[in-house]
Protein backbone atom coordinates (compact mmCIF):
# COMPACT_ATOMS: atom_id res chain seq x y z
CA MET A 1 216.22 -13.65 -5.14
CA VAL A 2 217.83 -16.98 -4.20
CA MET A 3 217.81 -20.61 -6.41
CA SER A 4 217.49 -24.15 -4.83
CA PRO A 5 220.19 -26.41 -5.91
CA CYS A 6 216.86 -28.17 -7.34
CA GLY A 7 215.94 -25.03 -9.22
CA THR A 8 213.86 -23.46 -6.94
CA VAL A 9 213.84 -19.54 -6.95
CA PHE A 10 212.93 -18.38 -3.62
CA ILE A 11 211.81 -14.66 -3.38
CA GLU A 12 213.46 -13.05 0.16
CA ARG A 13 211.49 -10.72 2.24
CA PRO A 14 214.10 -7.34 2.47
CA ARG A 15 214.80 -6.92 6.18
CA MET A 16 213.41 -3.35 7.78
CA SER A 17 215.28 -1.37 10.06
CA GLN A 18 211.61 -0.31 11.62
CA PRO A 19 208.29 -2.44 12.31
CA VAL A 20 205.86 -1.73 9.87
CA PRO A 21 203.12 -0.16 11.65
CA PHE A 22 199.68 -2.75 11.75
CA SER A 23 196.82 -1.28 9.97
CA VAL A 24 193.64 -3.98 9.52
CA GLU A 25 190.20 -2.19 9.25
CA ARG A 26 187.69 -3.58 12.00
CA PRO A 27 184.86 -5.42 10.71
CA ARG A 28 181.67 -3.89 10.96
CA HIS A 29 180.16 -5.86 13.28
CA ALA A 30 182.69 -5.75 16.08
CA GLU A 31 182.16 -2.04 15.85
CA GLN A 32 178.02 -2.76 16.56
CA LEU A 33 178.91 -4.58 19.24
CA ALA A 34 180.95 -2.40 20.56
CA ARG A 35 178.06 -0.02 20.94
CA PRO A 36 175.79 -1.03 23.57
CA ARG A 37 172.06 -2.11 21.83
CA TRP A 38 169.83 -0.57 24.64
CA ARG A 39 170.96 3.10 23.34
CA TRP A 40 169.33 2.28 20.48
CA LEU A 41 166.43 0.65 22.20
CA ALA A 42 166.40 4.57 24.59
CA VAL A 43 166.61 6.61 21.54
CA TRP A 44 163.58 4.98 20.00
CA LEU A 45 161.45 4.58 22.86
CA LEU A 46 162.15 8.30 23.67
CA PHE A 47 161.71 9.57 19.46
CA SER A 48 158.48 7.54 19.48
CA SER A 49 157.10 9.20 22.40
CA VAL A 50 158.00 12.80 20.73
CA CYS A 51 156.39 12.36 17.65
CA ALA A 52 153.66 10.04 18.44
CA GLY A 53 152.26 13.32 21.28
CA CYS A 54 149.77 13.59 23.89
CA SER A 55 146.52 14.19 23.03
CA SER A 56 146.13 17.93 23.09
CA ARG A 57 142.80 17.98 24.12
CA SER A 58 141.72 16.66 27.35
CA GLU A 59 138.14 17.21 27.34
CA PHE A 60 135.35 14.89 25.73
CA PRO A 61 135.15 14.16 22.58
CA ALA A 62 139.26 14.71 21.60
CA GLN A 63 139.11 13.28 18.54
CA PRO A 64 136.20 11.73 15.68
CA ILE A 65 133.42 10.05 16.43
CA VAL A 66 132.81 6.56 14.40
CA LEU A 67 128.57 5.53 13.65
CA VAL A 68 128.31 2.58 12.23
CA CYS A 69 125.57 1.61 10.34
CA PRO A 70 124.37 -2.45 9.88
CA TRP A 71 123.39 -1.51 6.48
CA SER A 72 124.23 -0.74 2.41
CA PRO A 73 124.43 3.03 1.83
CA GLY A 74 120.93 4.16 0.14
CA GLY A 75 118.74 2.36 2.34
CA GLY A 76 116.78 3.65 5.11
CA THR A 77 119.06 3.27 7.91
CA ASP A 78 121.86 4.21 6.10
CA ARG A 79 119.97 7.92 4.36
CA VAL A 80 119.16 8.32 8.33
CA SER A 81 122.25 7.44 10.06
CA ARG A 82 124.30 10.23 7.54
CA GLN A 83 121.22 12.64 8.45
CA ILE A 84 122.30 12.19 12.11
CA ALA A 85 125.80 12.92 11.45
CA THR A 86 125.97 15.57 10.25
CA GLN A 87 123.64 17.42 12.78
CA LEU A 88 125.52 15.75 15.80
CA GLU A 89 128.83 17.11 14.20
CA ARG A 90 128.03 20.69 14.09
CA VAL A 91 126.91 19.84 17.89
CA ILE A 92 129.19 18.03 19.93
CA GLY A 93 132.06 19.73 17.81
CA VAL A 94 134.14 16.92 16.20
CA PRO A 95 133.93 14.53 13.13
CA VAL A 96 131.01 12.44 12.97
CA ASN A 97 132.45 9.64 10.54
CA VAL A 98 129.42 7.28 8.99
CA VAL A 99 131.01 3.66 7.87
CA ASN A 100 128.63 0.89 6.38
CA ALA A 101 129.42 -2.44 8.35
CA THR A 102 127.44 -4.83 6.29
CA GLY A 103 127.17 -8.40 6.67
CA GLY A 104 125.78 -11.31 7.83
CA GLY A 105 121.59 -10.02 7.74
CA GLY A 106 123.43 -7.29 10.22
CA VAL A 107 125.09 -9.16 12.28
CA THR A 108 128.57 -7.71 11.28
CA GLY A 109 127.27 -4.00 12.12
CA HIS A 110 125.73 -4.64 15.14
CA THR A 111 128.61 -6.72 15.89
CA ARG A 112 131.35 -4.01 15.32
CA GLY A 113 129.49 -1.56 17.32
CA ALA A 114 129.29 -3.78 20.20
CA LEU A 115 132.62 -5.22 20.41
CA ALA A 116 133.90 -1.32 19.94
CA ARG A 117 135.87 0.08 23.18
CA PRO A 118 133.91 1.60 25.78
CA ASP A 119 135.28 5.25 24.87
CA GLY A 120 132.09 6.78 23.85
CA TYR A 121 133.64 7.14 19.83
CA THR A 122 131.95 4.43 18.28
CA LEU A 123 127.79 4.28 18.69
CA THR A 124 125.78 2.32 16.47
CA THR A 125 122.38 2.98 14.43
CA ALA A 126 121.00 -0.47 15.66
CA THR A 127 117.73 -1.74 13.79
CA VAL A 128 115.33 -4.34 14.78
CA GLU A 129 117.41 -6.96 13.52
CA LEU A 130 119.21 -6.42 16.85
CA ASN A 131 116.37 -8.72 18.42
CA MET A 132 115.98 -11.57 15.29
CA LEU A 133 119.98 -12.30 15.37
CA HIS A 134 120.37 -14.43 18.38
CA TRP A 135 117.12 -15.99 18.55
CA ARG A 136 117.95 -17.21 14.57
CA GLY A 137 121.57 -19.04 16.18
CA LEU A 138 123.56 -16.11 14.22
CA THR A 139 125.22 -14.89 17.10
CA GLY A 140 125.70 -14.82 20.72
CA LEU A 141 124.46 -10.62 20.79
CA THR A 142 122.10 -8.95 22.17
CA TYR A 143 120.36 -5.83 23.24
CA ARG A 144 121.72 -6.48 26.51
CA ASP A 145 125.39 -5.82 24.85
CA PHE A 146 124.82 -2.06 24.21
CA GLN A 147 123.25 0.92 26.84
CA PRO A 148 120.38 2.32 24.96
CA LEU A 149 120.55 6.22 24.09
CA LEU A 150 117.63 7.16 21.59
CA LEU A 151 114.87 6.02 19.60
CA PHE A 152 114.24 7.59 16.75
CA ASN A 153 111.87 6.06 13.74
CA GLU A 154 109.64 2.85 14.07
CA ASP A 155 108.18 2.58 10.69
CA ASP A 156 105.68 -0.54 8.98
CA ALA A 157 106.82 -3.10 6.18
CA ALA A 158 104.60 -2.69 3.20
CA ILE A 159 104.44 -4.24 -0.71
CA PHE A 160 105.95 -3.10 -3.73
CA VAL A 161 105.75 -3.39 -7.43
CA ARG A 162 106.81 -2.59 -10.53
CA ALA A 163 104.59 0.23 -12.09
CA ASP A 164 103.92 -2.74 -15.01
CA SER A 165 103.55 -5.53 -12.92
CA PRO A 166 99.86 -7.28 -13.09
CA TRP A 167 99.41 -7.23 -9.40
CA ARG A 168 97.43 -4.48 -8.23
CA SER A 169 96.34 -5.10 -4.77
CA ILE A 170 96.92 -7.75 -1.81
CA GLY A 171 94.13 -10.09 -3.28
CA ASP A 172 95.85 -10.30 -6.50
CA VAL A 173 99.46 -11.16 -4.59
CA GLU A 174 97.93 -13.68 -2.55
CA ALA A 175 96.14 -15.31 -5.59
CA ALA A 176 99.69 -15.66 -7.55
CA PHE A 177 101.17 -17.16 -4.64
CA ARG A 178 99.13 -19.78 -4.15
CA ASN A 179 98.02 -20.54 -7.41
CA GLN A 180 101.90 -20.75 -8.05
CA PRO A 181 104.04 -21.57 -5.07
CA GLY A 182 107.45 -21.19 -5.28
CA LEU A 183 107.38 -19.58 -8.46
CA PHE A 184 107.97 -16.11 -7.55
CA ARG A 185 111.25 -14.48 -6.28
CA ALA A 186 111.05 -11.70 -3.10
CA SER A 187 113.37 -9.72 -1.44
CA GLY A 188 114.14 -6.34 0.62
CA SER A 189 116.48 -7.08 2.24
CA ALA A 190 118.70 -10.20 3.96
CA ARG A 191 117.63 -14.08 4.29
CA GLY A 192 115.81 -13.38 7.73
CA SER A 193 115.29 -9.71 8.28
CA ILE A 194 112.77 -7.97 9.65
CA TRP A 195 110.93 -7.45 5.63
CA HIS A 196 111.33 -11.29 4.92
CA ILE A 197 110.32 -12.46 8.81
CA ALA A 198 107.31 -9.44 7.74
CA LEU A 199 106.68 -11.02 4.55
CA ALA A 200 106.70 -15.14 5.85
CA GLY A 201 104.63 -14.36 8.85
CA TRP A 202 101.94 -13.06 6.54
CA LEU A 203 102.10 -15.96 3.93
CA LEU A 204 101.36 -17.88 7.07
CA GLU A 205 98.73 -15.90 8.71
CA GLN A 206 96.81 -16.32 5.28
CA ASN A 207 97.58 -19.86 5.43
CA LEU A 208 100.19 -20.47 2.98
CA SER A 209 103.43 -21.96 3.29
CA ALA A 210 106.01 -19.65 4.45
CA ASP A 211 108.36 -21.04 1.28
CA ALA A 212 105.60 -20.37 -1.40
CA ILE A 213 107.79 -17.00 -2.39
CA ILE A 214 111.96 -17.47 -3.44
CA TRP A 215 113.09 -15.24 -0.71
CA VAL A 216 116.78 -13.27 -2.15
CA SER A 217 119.07 -12.37 0.62
CA ILE A 218 120.74 -8.66 -0.58
CA ASN A 219 122.02 -6.04 1.85
CA GLY A 220 119.45 -3.64 2.56
CA SER A 221 116.13 -2.37 0.73
CA GLY A 222 118.45 0.25 -1.25
CA PRO A 223 119.98 -3.08 -3.64
CA SER A 224 117.12 -5.03 -3.09
CA LEU A 225 114.75 -1.82 -4.80
CA GLN A 226 117.30 -1.57 -7.82
CA GLU A 227 117.08 -5.10 -8.15
CA LEU A 228 112.91 -5.05 -8.82
CA LEU A 229 113.73 -2.46 -11.32
CA ALA A 230 116.37 -4.57 -13.22
CA GLY A 231 113.44 -7.54 -13.29
CA GLY A 232 115.83 -9.96 -10.61
CA VAL A 233 112.50 -10.21 -8.51
CA ASP A 234 108.87 -9.70 -8.57
CA LEU A 235 108.26 -7.89 -5.36
CA ILE A 236 110.10 -6.28 -1.93
CA CYS A 237 109.08 -5.56 1.42
CA CYS A 238 110.51 -2.84 2.96
CA SER A 239 108.86 0.26 4.41
CA ILE A 240 107.58 2.96 2.64
CA PRO A 241 109.89 5.81 3.23
CA GLU A 242 112.75 3.92 2.17
CA ALA A 243 111.27 3.35 -1.39
CA ARG A 244 109.56 6.84 -1.74
CA SER A 245 111.80 8.22 -4.44
CA LEU A 246 110.99 4.92 -6.50
CA LEU A 247 107.66 5.47 -5.40
CA GLU A 248 106.94 8.96 -6.13
CA GLY A 249 108.65 8.36 -9.06
CA GLY A 250 106.10 6.34 -10.22
CA GLU A 251 109.00 3.49 -11.22
CA ILE A 252 106.52 1.38 -8.58
CA ARG A 253 103.55 0.68 -7.16
CA CYS A 254 102.85 0.02 -3.35
CA LEU A 255 99.70 -2.60 -3.16
CA GLY A 256 99.46 -2.37 0.80
CA VAL A 257 101.31 -1.27 4.33
CA MET A 258 101.73 -4.01 7.53
CA ALA A 259 99.97 -1.19 9.63
CA GLU A 260 97.20 -0.84 12.18
CA THR A 261 96.82 2.78 10.07
CA ARG A 262 96.97 4.43 6.44
CA HIS A 263 100.82 5.66 5.97
CA PRO A 264 101.00 9.67 6.66
CA GLN A 265 103.45 10.15 2.86
CA ALA A 266 100.70 7.84 1.76
CA PRO A 267 97.78 7.97 2.83
CA ASP A 268 95.77 5.84 -0.66
CA VAL A 269 97.80 2.77 -0.15
CA PRO A 270 95.67 0.51 2.03
CA THR A 271 96.41 -1.57 4.83
CA PHE A 272 96.19 -5.59 5.11
CA ARG A 273 94.09 -4.83 7.55
CA GLU A 274 91.25 -3.29 4.80
CA ALA A 275 92.14 -6.58 3.02
CA GLY A 276 91.30 -8.82 5.12
CA SER A 277 94.66 -9.70 6.72
CA ASN A 278 95.15 -8.80 11.23
CA TRP A 279 98.94 -9.28 10.54
CA THR A 280 101.33 -6.46 11.05
CA MET A 281 104.78 -6.00 11.66
CA GLY A 282 107.60 -3.40 11.80
CA GLY A 283 111.06 -2.23 12.46
CA TRP A 284 112.67 0.57 14.57
CA ARG A 285 115.64 2.83 14.53
CA GLY A 286 117.63 3.78 17.46
CA LEU A 287 120.97 4.95 18.73
CA VAL A 288 123.04 2.52 21.15
CA ILE A 289 126.04 2.60 22.80
CA PRO A 290 128.78 0.12 23.93
CA ARG A 291 128.70 -1.39 27.56
CA GLY A 292 131.14 0.01 29.33
CA VAL A 293 131.04 3.62 28.46
CA PRO A 294 132.19 6.29 31.65
CA LYS A 295 128.69 7.33 32.04
CA ASP A 296 130.00 11.70 32.18
CA ARG A 297 130.62 10.16 28.17
CA VAL A 298 127.20 8.40 27.67
CA THR A 299 125.50 12.16 28.71
CA VAL A 300 127.39 14.23 26.99
CA ILE A 301 126.16 12.07 23.46
CA ARG A 302 123.14 11.50 24.92
CA ASP A 303 122.67 14.95 25.23
CA ALA A 304 123.69 16.21 21.57
CA LEU A 305 121.77 13.60 20.15
CA VAL A 306 118.62 14.82 22.06
CA GLU A 307 119.14 18.16 20.56
CA VAL A 308 119.79 16.87 17.20
CA VAL A 309 116.33 14.70 17.17
CA HIS A 310 114.42 17.56 18.49
CA SER A 311 115.82 20.71 15.71
CA ASP A 312 113.44 21.82 13.64
CA GLU A 313 115.74 20.32 10.75
CA PHE A 314 115.75 16.60 11.80
CA ALA A 315 112.14 16.88 11.38
CA GLU A 316 111.73 18.72 8.15
CA PHE A 317 113.86 15.82 7.26
CA MET A 318 112.49 12.79 8.34
CA THR A 319 109.22 14.09 7.20
CA HIS A 320 109.95 15.09 3.82
CA ALA A 321 111.69 11.24 3.39
CA GLY A 322 108.73 9.92 4.87
CA PHE A 323 110.37 8.16 8.24
CA ASN A 324 108.00 7.97 11.20
CA LEU A 325 110.09 10.53 13.94
CA THR A 326 109.13 7.80 17.38
CA ILE A 327 111.33 10.14 19.87
CA GLY A 328 112.01 7.70 22.68
CA MET A 329 114.12 8.41 25.78
CA PRO A 330 117.18 5.61 26.87
CA ALA A 331 113.55 4.28 29.67
CA GLU A 332 111.34 4.15 26.88
CA PHE A 333 113.33 2.93 24.16
CA ALA A 334 115.03 0.03 26.77
CA ALA A 335 111.05 -1.34 27.17
CA LEU A 336 111.09 -1.71 23.68
CA LEU A 337 114.05 -3.56 23.78
CA ALA A 338 112.81 -5.82 26.35
CA ASP A 339 109.34 -6.02 24.64
CA ALA A 340 110.14 -7.10 20.95
CA ASP A 341 113.00 -9.25 22.03
CA GLU A 342 109.82 -11.33 23.88
CA ARG A 343 107.84 -11.33 20.99
CA PHE A 344 110.72 -12.27 18.58
CA GLY A 345 111.59 -14.83 20.61
CA GLN A 346 107.86 -16.59 20.50
CA ILE A 347 107.76 -15.72 16.88
CA PHE A 348 111.19 -17.84 15.96
CA ALA A 349 109.37 -20.54 18.17
CA THR A 350 107.43 -21.04 15.36
CA ALA A 351 108.88 -24.27 13.19
CA ALA A 352 108.01 -22.75 9.88
CA ILE A 353 109.56 -19.22 10.95
CA ASP A 354 112.95 -20.64 12.02
CA GLU A 355 112.87 -22.70 9.08
CA VAL A 356 112.32 -20.45 6.49
CA SER A 357 114.90 -18.09 8.03
CA GLN A 358 117.83 -20.13 8.56
CA SER A 359 120.59 -19.52 5.66
CA PRO A 360 121.55 -21.84 3.46
CA VAL A 361 125.31 -21.31 4.53
CA GLY A 362 125.95 -20.65 8.04
CA PRO A 363 127.71 -17.90 9.28
CA TYR A 364 131.31 -19.93 10.33
CA ALA A 365 131.13 -21.97 6.89
CA PHE A 366 133.91 -19.38 5.48
CA PRO A 367 136.12 -20.06 8.34
CA LEU A 368 135.61 -23.59 8.45
CA VAL A 369 136.65 -23.83 5.13
CA LEU A 370 139.55 -21.97 5.38
CA PHE A 371 140.74 -23.64 8.23
CA GLY A 372 140.08 -27.12 6.80
CA VAL A 373 142.08 -25.95 3.26
CA GLY A 374 144.82 -24.86 5.38
CA SER A 375 144.75 -27.90 7.60
CA MET A 376 144.88 -29.92 4.92
CA ILE A 377 148.25 -28.27 3.08
CA GLY A 378 149.62 -28.41 6.55
CA LEU A 379 149.36 -32.13 6.47
CA TRP A 380 150.34 -32.64 2.77
CA LEU A 381 153.53 -30.50 3.55
CA ALA A 382 154.51 -32.58 6.71
CA ALA A 383 153.94 -35.72 4.96
CA ARG A 384 155.94 -34.91 2.15
CA GLY A 385 158.89 -33.99 4.77
CA GLN A 386 158.37 -36.98 6.53
CA LEU A 387 158.50 -39.30 3.74
CA GLY A 388 161.63 -37.31 2.05
CA LEU A 389 159.82 -36.28 -0.69
CA GLN A 390 160.14 -32.48 -0.35
CA PRO A 391 163.76 -31.29 -1.25
CA ASP A 392 166.42 -30.34 0.57
CA ALA A 393 166.34 -26.87 -0.96
CA VAL A 394 162.81 -26.22 0.33
CA ARG A 395 162.66 -27.69 3.64
CA LEU A 396 162.70 -25.51 6.20
CA SER A 397 165.07 -25.44 9.15
CA PRO A 398 164.39 -25.44 12.80
CA TRP A 399 165.11 -22.07 13.38
CA ALA A 400 163.45 -20.57 10.45
CA MET A 401 159.75 -22.66 11.83
CA LYS A 402 160.50 -20.51 15.03
CA ARG A 403 161.62 -17.36 13.33
CA LEU A 404 157.33 -17.81 11.45
CA ALA A 405 155.91 -18.90 14.79
CA VAL A 406 157.41 -15.16 15.78
CA VAL A 407 154.66 -13.88 13.20
CA PRO A 408 151.33 -15.09 14.56
CA LEU A 409 152.79 -14.43 18.38
CA ALA A 410 153.58 -11.04 17.75
CA GLY A 411 149.87 -10.67 16.35
CA LEU A 412 148.32 -11.63 19.55
CA ILE A 413 150.36 -9.77 21.73
CA PHE A 414 149.25 -6.69 19.76
CA MET A 415 145.84 -7.22 20.01
CA LEU A 416 145.91 -8.47 24.11
CA THR A 417 148.18 -4.72 24.35
CA ALA A 418 147.01 -2.69 22.08
CA GLU A 419 144.37 -0.95 23.69
CA ARG A 420 146.04 -0.42 27.39
CA VAL A 421 149.28 1.04 25.85
CA GLY A 422 147.53 2.79 22.93
CA PHE A 423 148.02 1.84 19.24
CA LEU A 424 151.68 4.04 18.54
CA LEU A 425 153.79 2.43 21.14
CA ALA A 426 152.19 -1.37 20.17
CA ALA A 427 152.33 -1.41 16.73
CA MET A 428 156.37 0.11 17.22
CA THR A 429 157.14 -2.80 19.60
CA LEU A 430 155.62 -5.63 16.97
CA LEU A 431 157.30 -4.08 13.85
CA LEU A 432 160.51 -3.68 15.83
CA GLY A 433 160.62 -6.96 16.58
CA LEU A 434 159.35 -8.97 13.83
CA LEU A 435 162.36 -7.01 11.93
CA LEU A 436 164.89 -8.01 14.24
CA ALA A 437 163.28 -11.58 14.18
CA ALA A 438 163.87 -11.49 10.58
CA SER A 439 167.60 -10.69 10.80
CA VAL A 440 167.10 -6.96 9.78
CA ARG A 441 170.19 -4.37 11.04
CA LEU A 442 169.35 -2.75 14.15
CA ARG A 443 169.69 0.92 12.67
CA THR A 444 168.00 -0.14 9.25
CA ALA A 445 165.04 -1.55 12.15
CA ALA A 446 164.84 1.66 14.12
CA ALA A 447 164.92 3.63 11.19
CA LEU A 448 161.70 1.43 9.02
CA THR A 449 160.15 1.69 12.51
CA LEU A 450 159.60 5.57 13.61
CA VAL A 451 159.34 6.22 9.86
CA LEU A 452 156.56 3.60 9.14
CA VAL A 453 154.62 3.23 12.53
CA PRO A 454 153.68 7.17 12.50
CA LEU A 455 153.05 7.84 9.34
CA VAL A 456 150.26 5.06 9.19
CA TYR A 457 149.15 6.64 12.33
CA HIS A 458 149.15 9.41 10.51
CA ILE A 459 147.24 8.54 8.01
CA PHE A 460 144.77 6.61 9.78
CA ALA A 461 144.02 8.59 12.83
CA VAL A 462 144.33 11.81 11.76
CA GLN A 463 143.24 11.80 7.87
CA LEU A 464 141.20 9.05 7.92
CA GLY A 465 139.49 9.36 11.56
CA VAL A 466 139.78 6.13 12.21
CA PRO A 467 140.18 5.80 15.91
CA LEU A 468 142.50 3.52 16.89
CA PRO A 469 143.50 2.70 20.50
CA ARG A 470 144.77 5.62 22.39
CA GLY A 471 145.89 3.77 25.58
CA TRP A 472 147.82 5.36 29.16
CA LEU A 473 149.02 8.84 27.08
CA GLY A 474 146.18 9.17 24.95
CA TRP A 475 148.35 7.68 21.47
């Protein structure tokens, strides 16, 4: 210790004969930089390949099949679809899962079936609405977007009321609509569906306005019949098999069937012709598959379905449920589709039918509302930033904006590549890229990717039977 003349005290470090060893721990980031990152990428790719594994079966089918039903649970289409799925599962040897893709008066389900991967793992229980949707301007989808597999059902429309209704005949209904137009409510399915057009066509045939009755749009006959029992509507138009359980239970009455002859399951119900009307209308149900499915796979599915619909068990189900079993092979089914499409083209060319079938809210209303609201919010935020009204603390830097742009870009890349490379590789690449863009350490990002993506694949593809893109290697 040395004191300076001004009183300041200095501490002198002692001299050492040996230099003090210099030992400073290297920063962790320097160690990471020293390791080549490509090694982690190689390990990630190798591990993902091992985890995914290739398909253990090369023959078709090697995974669960999805049967898309465009209508709600409990209705006639749903009941028949589930019966077919149960029997097809036993014949073909893999699970067959029924998915109710409802909405848009049949647009959602039929579109999902048409746009499914053409690999033979997605079938659709198509209904007569397939011949109607494009004439109504709801979609560009037509029957030409499918390959017909098999027709199995045709049923005529019928009119139902509650058991305590004062209406006892078709004549009573006509008189009520003529005396008090626009007062009563009816349903049976979505607006513009086959049952709506059947009722509206009959009204026009009787020189009544097509909107002489208020049509309540409900997605399917099952919930429509429940609404009838609850008193929400006064009349239901659907097929006899769809309402058979309530009809046999005495909760509803059938006033007439729009057919040439009486229905075998309801021989006491008169036809509209017997009531003085020449109007007939009905629907069909059949199984279709997307265009582009390999012929050998189409043959496997079609042969299995032929075995199902010709079985005694299926015939017994259709008879017991009251469905008309009408079997048509692909050529016959294709001819029916073409004829029905031409007929509905003529029906919807009628101004009255076209007007009554249009939904008050268009199919793109909700997306347009979201787009408009999002655009307004974006313009408002941009204006606040330009005018200096937005606090600096919440302003996004250019780098942050670029990182946000990575999210929709990564989603677009996934959509374009998933079908070709497979779900696992595409999802792993997507998740790893997003995590790295968010400044997550490579080791952490790789660990999360290797855990989360195979877990999602196992839950959806293995446990729930959801068909995910298989890609080059089948996974």
